[in-house]
């Protein structure tokens, strides 16, 4: 029996070049009558930066700043979705559910896989910027890490 795709997790980096990936996500959701989860991962500060910030900013102010950052990301995702759905409203008539959004903090590759498992995702979709072969080998990328360590199928949409 062929696997059913019920939930798509789109790891969204909120760059302008995500249009083709968003179109693909919605197309797959329509085809499979699947739920869409837009995920954005906010990387934590490195220990040195966190230590420096704690020396100058109180915990209350830091918590307020975190909340404001989360709200900003949520607004950007909502704006992106609203703009896309308004532009393609005739094509999205068969969409069965409103896309969900999820914002988490962590190392991107790990956070994407953890969120995919928690959401019961059947497919992870993400962007990957085109890099040279040497850059991929030396630096690696979030997409590369997810592809090679995920138990869930991963679809990568190249962007320039």
C-alpha atoms as a PDB file:
ATOM      1  CA  UNK A   1       0.000   0.000   0.000  1.00  0.00           C
ATOM      2  CA  UNK A   2       1.318   3.453  -0.884  1.00  0.00           C
ATOM      3  CA  UNK A   3       1.955   5.798   2.036  1.00  0.00           C
ATOM      4  CA  UNK A   4      -0.666   8.489   2.647  1.00  0.00           C
ATOM      5  CA  UNK A   5       0.480  12.076   3.070  1.00  0.00           C
ATOM      6  CA  UNK A   6      -1.711  13.624   5.766  1.00  0.00           C
ATOM      7  CA  UNK A   7       0.583  16.306   7.166  1.00  0.00           C
ATOM      8  CA  UNK A   8       3.190  18.447   5.428  1.00  0.00           C
ATOM      9  CA  UNK A   9       5.745  20.303   7.521  1.00  0.00           C
ATOM     10  CA  UNK A  10       7.268  23.253   5.687  1.00  0.00           C
ATOM     11  CA  UNK A  11      10.423  24.541   7.373  1.00  0.00           C
ATOM     12  CA  UNK A  12      10.146  28.186   6.372  1.00  0.00           C
ATOM     13  CA  UNK A  13      13.082  30.566   6.670  1.00  0.00           C
ATOM     14  CA  UNK A  14      10.952  33.614   5.718  1.00  0.00           C
ATOM     15  CA  UNK A  15      13.184  34.630   2.845  1.00  0.00           C
ATOM     16  CA  UNK A  16      11.701  36.214  -0.262  1.00  0.00           C
ATOM     17  CA  UNK A  17      12.818  33.284  -2.399  1.00  0.00           C
ATOM     18  CA  UNK A  18      10.363  30.864  -0.762  1.00  0.00           C
ATOM     19  CA  UNK A  19       7.561  31.527  -3.282  1.00  0.00           C
ATOM     20  CA  UNK A  20       8.225  28.405  -5.346  1.00  0.00           C
ATOM     21  CA  UNK A  21       8.378  26.256  -2.220  1.00  0.00           C
ATOM     22  CA  UNK A  22       5.127  27.692  -0.879  1.00  0.00           C
ATOM     23  CA  UNK A  23       3.435  26.975  -4.190  1.00  0.00           C
ATOM     24  CA  UNK A  24       4.688  23.392  -4.044  1.00  0.00           C
ATOM     25  CA  UNK A  25       3.520  22.970  -0.429  1.00  0.00           C
ATOM     26  CA  UNK A  26       0.016  24.156  -1.245  1.00  0.00           C
ATOM     27  CA  UNK A  27      -0.105  22.048  -4.415  1.00  0.00           C
ATOM     28  CA  UNK A  28       0.825  18.933  -2.454  1.00  0.00           C
ATOM     29  CA  UNK A  29      -1.689  19.794   0.274  1.00  0.00           C
ATOM     30  CA  UNK A  30      -4.447  20.127  -2.306  1.00  0.00           C
ATOM     31  CA  UNK A  31      -3.473  16.908  -4.077  1.00  0.00           C
ATOM     32  CA  UNK A  32      -3.297  14.862  -0.873  1.00  0.00           C
ATOM     33  CA  UNK A  33      -5.921  16.736   1.176  1.00  0.00           C
ATOM     34  CA  UNK A  34      -3.147  17.241   3.720  1.00  0.00           C
ATOM     35  CA  UNK A  35      -2.686  19.583   6.627  1.00  0.00           C
ATOM     36  CA  UNK A  36       0.118  22.174   6.315  1.00  0.00           C
ATOM     37  CA  UNK A  37       2.334  23.198   9.231  1.00  0.00           C
ATOM     38  CA  UNK A  38       4.587  26.200   8.621  1.00  0.00           C
ATOM     39  CA  UNK A  39       7.593  25.903  10.919  1.00  0.00           C
ATOM     40  CA  UNK A  40      10.116  28.624  11.644  1.00  0.00           C
ATOM     41  CA  UNK A  41      13.117  27.847  13.835  1.00  0.00           C
ATOM     42  CA  UNK A  42      14.772  30.650  15.788  1.00  0.00           C
ATOM     43  CA  UNK A  43      18.364  29.776  16.590  1.00  0.00           C
ATOM     44  CA  UNK A  44      19.445  30.303  20.201  1.00  0.00           C
ATOM     45  CA  UNK A  45      22.279  32.677  21.025  1.00  0.00           C
ATOM     46  CA  UNK A  46      25.675  31.117  21.433  1.00  0.00           C
ATOM     47  CA  UNK A  47      26.842  30.874  25.078  1.00  0.00           C
ATOM     48  CA  UNK A  48      29.193  33.860  24.836  1.00  0.00           C
ATOM     49  CA  UNK A  49      26.538  36.159  23.422  1.00  0.00           C
ATOM     50  CA  UNK A  50      23.956  34.924  25.940  1.00  0.00           C
ATOM     51  CA  UNK A  51      26.377  35.578  28.803  1.00  0.00           C
ATOM     52  CA  UNK A  52      27.140  39.082  27.573  1.00  0.00           C
ATOM     53  CA  UNK A  53      23.473  39.909  27.140  1.00  0.00           C
ATOM     54  CA  UNK A  54      22.639  38.655  30.639  1.00  0.00           C
ATOM     55  CA  UNK A  55      25.253  41.059  32.023  1.00  0.00           C
ATOM     56  CA  UNK A  56      23.459  44.068  30.528  1.00  0.00           C
ATOM     57  CA  UNK A  57      19.798  43.128  30.206  1.00  0.00           C
ATOM     58  CA  UNK A  58      17.477  41.963  32.966  1.00  0.00           C
ATOM     59  CA  UNK A  59      15.583  38.687  32.618  1.00  0.00           C
ATOM     60  CA  UNK A  60      12.277  40.579  32.362  1.00  0.00           C
ATOM     61  CA  UNK A  61      13.516  42.732  29.480  1.00  0.00           C
ATOM     62  CA  UNK A  62      15.036  39.681  27.789  1.00  0.00           C
ATOM     63  CA  UNK A  63      11.731  37.806  28.060  1.00  0.00           C
ATOM     64  CA  UNK A  64       9.907  40.803  26.561  1.00  0.00           C
ATOM     65  CA  UNK A  65      12.399  40.878  23.681  1.00  0.00           C
ATOM     66  CA  UNK A  66      11.879  37.149  23.046  1.00  0.00           C
ATOM     67  CA  UNK A  67       8.111  37.599  23.000  1.00  0.00           C
ATOM     68  CA  UNK A  68       8.411  40.529  20.600  1.00  0.00           C
ATOM     69  CA  UNK A  69      10.652  38.470  18.302  1.00  0.00           C
ATOM     70  CA  UNK A  70       8.150  35.588  18.340  1.00  0.00           C
ATOM     71  CA  UNK A  71       5.293  37.989  17.608  1.00  0.00           C
ATOM     72  CA  UNK A  72       7.265  39.536  14.741  1.00  0.00           C
ATOM     73  CA  UNK A  73       7.951  36.124  13.203  1.00  0.00           C
ATOM     74  CA  UNK A  74       4.293  35.129  13.633  1.00  0.00           C
ATOM     75  CA  UNK A  75       3.176  38.339  11.896  1.00  0.00           C
ATOM     76  CA  UNK A  76       5.612  37.755   9.033  1.00  0.00           C
ATOM     77  CA  UNK A  77       4.339  34.199   8.539  1.00  0.00           C
ATOM     78  CA  UNK A  78       0.712  35.365   8.708  1.00  0.00           C
ATOM     79  CA  UNK A  79       1.448  38.119   6.187  1.00  0.00           C
ATOM     80  CA  UNK A  80       3.175  35.658   3.865  1.00  0.00           C
ATOM     81  CA  UNK A  81       0.239  33.239   4.065  1.00  0.00           C
ATOM     82  CA  UNK A  82      -2.357  35.991   3.631  1.00  0.00           C
ATOM     83  CA  UNK A  83      -0.586  37.414   0.604  1.00  0.00           C
ATOM     84  CA  UNK A  84      -0.215  33.977  -0.962  1.00  0.00           C
ATOM     85  CA  UNK A  85      -3.804  32.874  -0.328  1.00  0.00           C
ATOM     86  CA  UNK A  86      -5.226  36.150  -1.641  1.00  0.00           C
ATOM     87  CA  UNK A  87      -3.183  35.842  -4.829  1.00  0.00           C
ATOM     88  CA  UNK A  88      -4.176  32.182  -5.353  1.00  0.00           C
ATOM     89  CA  UNK A  89      -7.641  32.096  -3.801  1.00  0.00           C
ATOM     90  CA  UNK A  90      -9.288  30.516  -6.853  1.00  0.00           C
ATOM     91  CA  UNK A  91      -6.718  27.716  -6.922  1.00  0.00           C
ATOM     92  CA  UNK A  92      -7.011  26.981  -3.191  1.00  0.00           C
ATOM     93  CA  UNK A  93     -10.735  26.241  -3.091  1.00  0.00           C
ATOM     94  CA  UNK A  94     -10.154  22.547  -2.315  1.00  0.00           C
ATOM     95  CA  UNK A  95      -7.836  23.210   0.649  1.00  0.00           C
ATOM     96  CA  UNK A  96      -9.345  21.294   3.565  1.00  0.00           C
ATOM     97  CA  UNK A  97      -7.691  23.076   6.507  1.00  0.00           C
ATOM     98  CA  UNK A  98      -6.109  26.416   7.317  1.00  0.00           C
ATOM     99  CA  UNK A  99      -2.323  26.145   7.537  1.00  0.00           C
ATOM    100  CA  UNK A 100      -0.949  26.048  11.067  1.00  0.00           C
ATOM    101  CA  UNK A 101       2.149  27.919  12.189  1.00  0.00           C
ATOM    102  CA  UNK A 102       4.739  26.786  14.674  1.00  0.00           C
ATOM    103  CA  UNK A 103       7.693  28.813  15.956  1.00  0.00           C
ATOM    104  CA  UNK A 104      10.373  27.016  17.954  1.00  0.00           C
ATOM    105  CA  UNK A 105      13.829  27.793  19.257  1.00  0.00           C
ATOM    106  CA  UNK A 106      16.715  25.408  18.752  1.00  0.00           C
ATOM    107  CA  UNK A 107      19.348  24.177  16.380  1.00  0.00           C
ATOM    108  CA  UNK A 108      17.503  24.163  13.050  1.00  0.00           C
ATOM    109  CA  UNK A 109      18.174  20.600  11.853  1.00  0.00           C
ATOM    110  CA  UNK A 110      17.278  19.091  15.224  1.00  0.00           C
ATOM    111  CA  UNK A 111      14.286  21.370  15.768  1.00  0.00           C
ATOM    112  CA  UNK A 112      12.866  20.584  12.310  1.00  0.00           C
ATOM    113  CA  UNK A 113      13.053  16.836  12.902  1.00  0.00           C
ATOM    114  CA  UNK A 114      11.628  17.095  16.405  1.00  0.00           C
ATOM    115  CA  UNK A 115       8.721  19.283  15.238  1.00  0.00           C
ATOM    116  CA  UNK A 116       8.029  16.932  12.316  1.00  0.00           C
ATOM    117  CA  UNK A 117       7.743  13.988  14.707  1.00  0.00           C
ATOM    118  CA  UNK A 118       5.567  15.939  17.169  1.00  0.00           C
ATOM    119  CA  UNK A 119       3.241  17.085  14.374  1.00  0.00           C
ATOM    120  CA  UNK A 120       3.037  13.615  12.831  1.00  0.00           C
ATOM    121  CA  UNK A 121       4.418  14.936   9.542  1.00  0.00           C
ATOM    122  CA  UNK A 122       4.545  12.559   6.614  1.00  0.00           C
ATOM    123  CA  UNK A 123       6.812  14.835   4.568  1.00  0.00           C
ATOM    124  CA  UNK A 124       9.243  17.623   5.450  1.00  0.00           C
ATOM    125  CA  UNK A 125       9.616  20.324   2.815  1.00  0.00           C
ATOM    126  CA  UNK A 126      12.391  22.870   3.027  1.00  0.00           C
ATOM    127  CA  UNK A 127      14.446  25.286   0.962  1.00  0.00           C
ATOM    128  CA  UNK A 128      18.122  24.958   0.276  1.00  0.00           C
ATOM    129  CA  UNK A 129      20.300  27.644  -1.188  1.00  0.00           C
ATOM    130  CA  UNK A 130      22.595  26.478  -3.922  1.00  0.00           C
ATOM    131  CA  UNK A 131      26.152  26.210  -2.645  1.00  0.00           C
ATOM    132  CA  UNK A 132      29.342  24.929  -4.174  1.00  0.00           C
ATOM    133  CA  UNK A 133      30.269  21.286  -3.600  1.00  0.00           C
ATOM    134  CA  UNK A 134      33.159  22.314  -1.356  1.00  0.00           C
ATOM    135  CA  UNK A 135      30.874  24.586   0.654  1.00  0.00           C
ATOM    136  CA  UNK A 136      28.463  21.717   1.199  1.00  0.00           C
ATOM    137  CA  UNK A 137      31.253  19.372   2.344  1.00  0.00           C
ATOM    138  CA  UNK A 138      32.955  21.841   4.671  1.00  0.00           C
ATOM    139  CA  UNK A 139      30.060  23.880   6.013  1.00  0.00           C
ATOM    140  CA  UNK A 140      27.121  21.581   5.552  1.00  0.00           C
ATOM    141  CA  UNK A 141      23.616  22.996   5.580  1.00  0.00           C
ATOM    142  CA  UNK A 142      20.438  22.566   7.522  1.00  0.00           C
ATOM    143  CA  UNK A 143      18.795  20.784   4.605  1.00  0.00           C
ATOM    144  CA  UNK A 144      21.766  18.468   4.212  1.00  0.00           C
ATOM    145  CA  UNK A 145      21.698  17.589   7.921  1.00  0.00           C
ATOM    146  CA  UNK A 146      17.963  16.915   7.867  1.00  0.00           C
ATOM    147  CA  UNK A 147      18.171  14.808   4.698  1.00  0.00           C
ATOM    148  CA  UNK A 148      20.861  12.577   6.142  1.00  0.00           C
ATOM    149  CA  UNK A 149      19.392  12.094   9.604  1.00  0.00           C
ATOM    150  CA  UNK A 150      15.603  12.201   9.241  1.00  0.00           C
ATOM    151  CA  UNK A 151      13.324   9.200   9.557  1.00  0.00           C
ATOM    152  CA  UNK A 152      10.678  11.203   7.686  1.00  0.00           C
ATOM    153  CA  UNK A 153      10.984  11.784   3.917  1.00  0.00           C
ATOM    154  CA  UNK A 154      12.428  15.197   3.030  1.00  0.00           C
ATOM    155  CA  UNK A 155      11.762  17.229  -0.103  1.00  0.00           C
ATOM    156  CA  UNK A 156      14.210  20.032  -0.830  1.00  0.00           C
ATOM    157  CA  UNK A 157      13.287  22.969  -3.042  1.00  0.00           C
ATOM    158  CA  UNK A 158      16.391  24.694  -4.433  1.00  0.00           C
ATOM    159  CA  UNK A 159      16.535  28.486  -4.266  1.00  0.00           C
ATOM    160  CA  UNK A 160      19.240  30.812  -5.473  1.00  0.00           C
END
